[in-house]
Protein backbone atom coordinates (compact mmCIF):
# COMPACT_ATOMS: atom_id res chain seq x y z
CA MET A 1 0.04 0.22 0.22
CA LYS A 2 2.99 2.59 0.88
CA LYS A 3 4.15 1.50 -2.79
CA ILE A 4 0.87 2.70 -4.30
CA PHE A 5 0.60 5.86 -2.71
CA THR A 6 4.29 6.87 -3.08
CA ILE A 7 3.74 6.51 -6.90
CA LEU A 8 0.57 8.53 -6.66
CA SER A 9 1.97 11.29 -4.80
CA ILE A 10 4.68 11.37 -7.67
CA ALA A 11 2.08 11.64 -10.26
CA ALA A 12 -0.04 14.31 -8.53
CA VAL A 13 2.06 16.25 -6.21
CA SER A 14 0.14 18.51 -3.94
CA LEU A 15 -3.34 17.31 -3.83
CA VAL A 16 -4.71 20.05 -2.04
CA SER A 17 -3.21 23.22 -3.39
CA ALA A 18 -0.19 24.17 -5.27
CA GLN A 19 1.83 25.99 -2.54
CA ASN A 20 0.64 23.26 0.13
CA LEU A 21 3.67 20.97 1.19
CA THR A 22 1.43 18.18 2.45
CA VAL A 23 0.07 15.51 0.35
CA ASN A 24 -3.46 14.07 0.51
CA SER A 25 -4.17 16.72 3.18
CA GLY A 26 -7.88 16.06 3.17
CA PHE A 27 -7.51 12.41 3.74
CA GLU A 28 -9.60 11.95 0.77
CA ALA A 29 -7.30 9.39 -0.80
CA GLY A 30 -6.92 7.33 2.61
CA LEU A 31 -4.17 8.14 5.02
CA ALA A 32 -0.89 7.68 2.80
CA PRO A 33 1.51 9.25 2.97
CA TRP A 34 0.26 9.99 6.56
CA ALA A 35 1.51 7.46 9.04
CA ALA A 36 1.57 6.47 12.73
CA GLY A 37 4.29 8.22 14.65
CA THR A 38 6.73 9.70 15.15
CA VAL A 39 7.18 7.29 18.21
CA THR A 40 7.09 3.80 17.39
CA THR A 41 4.28 2.72 19.80
CA TYR A 42 1.84 5.05 18.09
CA THR A 43 -0.78 3.77 15.99
CA ALA A 44 -2.42 5.17 12.90
CA PRO A 45 -5.86 6.90 13.09
CA THR A 46 -8.70 5.67 11.33
CA ILE A 47 -10.24 7.42 8.05
CA ALA A 48 -13.78 8.55 9.04
CA THR A 49 -15.96 8.59 5.98
CA THR A 50 -18.74 11.05 7.47
CA GLY A 51 -18.84 14.33 8.89
CA ALA A 52 -15.63 15.77 7.42
CA HIS A 53 -14.66 19.17 7.65
CA THR A 54 -14.73 19.54 3.63
CA GLY A 55 -14.94 16.60 1.15
CA ASN A 56 -15.70 12.95 2.51
CA ASN A 57 -12.95 12.03 4.89
CA SER A 58 -10.96 12.94 7.85
CA ALA A 59 -8.33 11.48 10.06
CA THR A 60 -9.85 10.18 13.54
CA TYR A 61 -8.74 8.58 16.81
CA THR A 62 -10.39 7.40 19.87
CA ALA A 63 -7.24 7.02 21.76
CA THR A 64 -6.64 4.51 24.72
CA ALA A 65 -3.23 5.90 25.00
CA THR A 66 -0.88 8.59 23.76
CA THR A 67 -0.61 8.30 20.13
CA GLY A 68 0.00 10.44 17.03
CA PHE A 69 0.78 10.79 13.34
CA TYR A 70 2.64 12.63 11.07
CA GLN A 71 4.05 13.59 7.58
CA ASN A 72 7.52 14.68 6.51
CA VAL A 73 7.74 17.61 4.06
CA PRO A 74 10.72 19.48 2.48
CA VAL A 75 11.47 23.04 3.91
CA THR A 76 14.27 25.65 3.41
CA ALA A 77 16.21 26.95 6.17
CA GLY A 78 15.58 30.56 6.84
CA LYS A 79 12.14 30.39 5.70
CA THR A 80 9.00 30.87 7.74
CA TYR A 81 6.35 28.11 7.40
CA VAL A 82 2.83 28.03 8.37
CA ILE A 83 0.88 24.76 9.43
CA SER A 84 -2.98 25.43 9.73
CA PHE A 85 -5.63 22.60 9.91
CA TRP A 86 -9.08 21.97 11.40
CA TYR A 87 -9.76 19.69 14.20
CA LYS A 88 -12.63 18.26 16.60
CA SER A 89 -11.48 17.05 19.97
CA THR A 90 -12.99 15.90 23.10
CA GLY A 91 -9.82 16.74 25.26
CA ASN A 92 -6.11 16.63 25.31
CA ALA A 93 -4.73 16.75 21.75
CA ARG A 94 -2.14 18.71 20.20
CA ILE A 95 0.13 19.80 17.20
CA TRP A 96 3.50 18.47 18.04
CA SER A 97 5.54 19.30 14.68
CA VAL A 98 9.36 19.46 14.66
CA TYR A 99 12.04 21.00 12.12
CA LYS A 100 14.73 18.32 11.07
CA ASN A 101 18.19 18.54 9.26
CA ALA A 102 19.41 16.25 6.69
CA SER A 103 20.44 13.87 9.52
CA ASN A 104 16.85 13.57 10.60
CA ALA A 105 17.83 15.29 13.92
CA ALA A 106 15.68 17.63 15.49
CA VAL A 107 16.20 21.30 15.00
CA TYR A 108 14.15 23.42 17.53
CA THR A 109 13.65 27.27 16.88
CA THR A 110 12.63 27.96 20.41
CA ALA A 111 14.46 27.40 23.61
CA ASP A 112 11.67 25.05 24.88
CA ALA A 113 8.62 23.59 24.13
CA SER A 114 6.76 26.25 26.09
CA THR A 115 7.60 28.99 23.57
CA ASP A 116 7.19 26.64 20.68
CA PRO A 117 3.98 27.14 18.35
CA PHE A 118 4.48 24.11 16.48
CA ARG A 119 4.35 22.28 19.76
CA THR A 120 1.16 24.19 20.94
CA ASN A 121 3.23 26.17 23.23
CA ASN A 122 3.54 23.01 25.50
CA THR A 123 -0.18 22.91 25.92
CA TYR A 124 -3.51 21.60 24.21
CA LEU A 125 -5.53 22.49 21.50
CA GLU A 126 -8.77 23.63 23.00
CA PRO A 127 -11.68 21.38 23.26
CA ALA A 128 -14.13 21.71 20.42
CA SER A 129 -17.31 19.92 19.35
CA ALA A 130 -17.40 21.53 16.06
CA TRP A 131 -14.76 21.88 13.44
CA THR A 132 -12.39 24.65 14.54
CA GLN A 133 -9.20 25.92 12.56
CA TYR A 134 -5.89 26.18 14.24
CA THR A 135 -2.79 28.09 12.60
CA ALA A 136 0.68 28.27 13.81
CA GLU A 137 3.81 29.78 12.09
CA MET A 138 7.86 29.56 13.17
CA PRO A 139 10.82 30.13 11.05
CA ALA A 140 13.13 27.21 10.07
CA GLY A 141 16.46 27.45 11.48
CA THR A 142 20.19 26.99 10.22
CA ALA A 143 20.57 23.55 8.29
CA VAL A 144 16.97 22.58 8.60
CA THR A 145 15.89 20.70 5.37
CA ASN A 146 12.41 19.06 6.32
CA LEU A 147 9.47 19.52 8.94
CA ASP A 148 7.43 16.68 10.52
CA VAL A 149 4.02 17.99 10.29
CA ALA A 150 2.67 15.72 13.32
CA PHE A 151 -0.11 15.42 15.88
CA ARG A 152 -0.76 13.72 19.38
CA VAL A 153 -3.86 12.51 20.91
CA TYR A 154 -3.95 11.32 24.54
CA GLY A 155 -5.68 8.35 26.26
CA GLY A 156 -9.35 8.78 26.74
CA VAL A 157 -9.66 11.57 23.92
CA THR A 158 -11.62 11.33 20.50
CA ALA A 159 -9.87 13.70 17.88
CA SER A 160 -10.37 14.26 14.42
CA PHE A 161 -8.38 16.25 12.12
CA ASP A 162 -8.94 17.47 8.16
CA ASP A 163 -7.69 19.81 5.71
CA VAL A 164 -3.93 20.22 6.91
CA LEU A 165 -1.83 22.70 5.20
CA ALA A 166 2.05 23.45 5.52
CA TYR A 167 3.32 26.09 3.33
CA GLU A 168 5.72 28.99 3.25
CA LYS A 169 4.40 32.09 4.77
CA GLY A 170 3.16 34.66 1.97
CA THR A 171 2.84 31.87 -0.63
CA MET A 172 -0.99 30.93 -0.14
CA SER A 173 -3.99 31.96 1.76
CA VAL A 174 -5.26 29.59 4.46
CA SER A 175 -8.86 29.57 2.94
CA ASP A 176 -7.39 28.86 -0.61
CA ALA A 177 -7.74 25.18 -0.34
CA ALA A 178 -10.88 24.51 1.69
CA GLY A 179 -12.66 27.23 -0.30
CA PHE A 180 -11.80 25.40 -3.43
CA ASP A 181 -12.86 22.02 -2.15
CA LYS A 182 -16.26 23.49 -1.21
CA THR A 183 -16.95 24.75 -4.65
CA VAL A 184 -16.03 21.43 -6.64
CA GLN A 185 -18.69 18.89 -6.63
CA PHE A 186 -18.87 15.51 -8.68
CA ASN A 187 -20.21 12.10 -8.10
CA THR A 188 -17.97 9.53 -6.52
CA VAL A 189 -19.76 6.53 -7.47
CA VAL A 190 -19.83 6.49 -11.10
CA LYS A 191 -21.02 4.08 -14.20
CA ASP A 192 -20.69 5.79 -17.31
CA GLN A 193 -19.33 9.21 -16.44
CA ILE A 194 -18.44 11.93 -13.93
CA THR A 195 -20.12 15.04 -13.87
CA PHE A 196 -18.30 18.17 -12.39
CA LYS A 197 -19.91 21.34 -10.81
CA LEU A 198 -16.82 23.78 -10.99
CA PRO A 199 -16.21 27.32 -10.16
CA ALA A 200 -14.35 27.69 -13.53
CA LYS A 201 -12.58 25.28 -16.32
CA ALA A 202 -10.21 22.95 -14.69
CA THR A 203 -7.94 20.17 -15.66
CA VAL A 204 -9.38 16.77 -14.21
CA ASN A 205 -7.00 13.74 -13.92
CA ILE A 206 -8.23 10.36 -13.22
CA TYR A 207 -5.46 7.87 -11.82
CA SER A 208 -5.56 4.09 -11.10
CA THR A 209 -4.57 3.40 -7.51
CA ASP A 210 -1.19 2.37 -8.52
CA GLY A 211 -0.46 5.95 -9.45
CA ARG A 212 -1.22 5.50 -13.35
CA LEU A 213 -2.71 8.26 -15.22
CA VAL A 214 -5.73 6.94 -17.07
CA SER A 215 -7.37 10.15 -18.12
CA SER A 216 -6.64 13.83 -18.46
CA ASN A 217 -9.51 16.45 -19.59
CA ARG A 218 -10.29 20.28 -19.20
CA VAL A 219 -13.56 20.49 -18.15
CA GLU A 220 -16.14 23.53 -17.97
CA ASN A 221 -18.82 23.76 -15.14
CA GLY A 222 -21.19 21.32 -15.94
CA GLY A 223 -19.02 19.12 -18.05
CA SER A 224 -18.54 15.60 -17.83
CA VAL A 225 -15.47 12.79 -18.24
CA SER A 226 -16.38 9.32 -19.73
CA THR A 227 -15.53 6.51 -17.70
CA GLN A 228 -16.87 3.89 -19.74
CA SER A 229 -13.49 2.50 -20.75
CA LEU A 230 -12.58 2.03 -17.35
CA VAL A 231 -12.63 -1.50 -15.53
CA LYS A 232 -14.67 -1.56 -12.30
CA GLY A 233 -12.80 -0.53 -9.18
CA ALA A 234 -11.26 2.59 -7.17
CA TYR A 235 -9.52 5.56 -8.97
CA ILE A 236 -8.20 8.67 -7.56
CA VAL A 237 -9.82 12.08 -9.36
CA THR A 238 -7.88 15.45 -9.05
CA VAL A 239 -9.27 18.81 -10.08
CA ASP A 240 -6.75 21.52 -10.80
CA ASN A 241 -7.32 25.18 -11.47
CA GLY A 242 -3.94 26.05 -11.84
CA ALA A 243 -3.70 27.40 -8.41
CA ASP A 244 -5.28 24.77 -6.41
CA LYS A 245 -5.87 21.17 -6.15
CA ILE A 246 -8.26 18.78 -4.69
CA SER A 247 -8.50 14.96 -4.94
CA ARG A 248 -11.32 12.28 -4.33
CA LYS A 249 -11.76 8.69 -4.37
CA VAL A 250 -14.31 7.49 -7.04
CA ILE A 251 -15.70 4.05 -7.24
CA LYS A 252 -16.71 2.56 -10.74
CA ASN A 253 -19.38 0.15 -10.77
């Protein structure tokens, strides 16, 4: 499964926004390349298929012990990066992200966790029963090459995460990805065609689950893409307007 989504991420980099460094930030393609960690005892979240912030899916824990998940993304030393996401939580959950160097060693920007916004200033996210946005920013220090975009959830807590963005400050608006996602609509259970409601003309690509591009079309609002030639099974559909991208899983019956 890891190979499948690694290939897919190469074929369709940055599935939510052109400036967003995380891949599959809305969990519409499942979990990968997000993974359990960074502690070896942590377990992966489940993918909830109802009640997402946008799209169909979100990452969810009902934790019995401290656990978490992450994705590692490339960054540039000296630049300031922003992590923004939507969450719901019944109790103690937090962002617990860290910059790293080429040897994968942690490079901390602040003196301790209590002043580190990428570690929730050593506190927790406010409990929230409705989807709530949280945003933090911090410069990448000397020798930094990558960033673990990571989250923790603690025992006895149910928490969900969606629409995770990591980007260089000033390169995108926090609302871009979620706004584009909300304006794109299409059927995800298909037979002969996929019909699209779009804010403007966009490129629609269909990928097999091994990352192979099987269809590419320019589509107007109200337009359709034929799926008659596709064999039954699961596919990933991306919609790209030149600035933002979204991806969703579709099933061909």
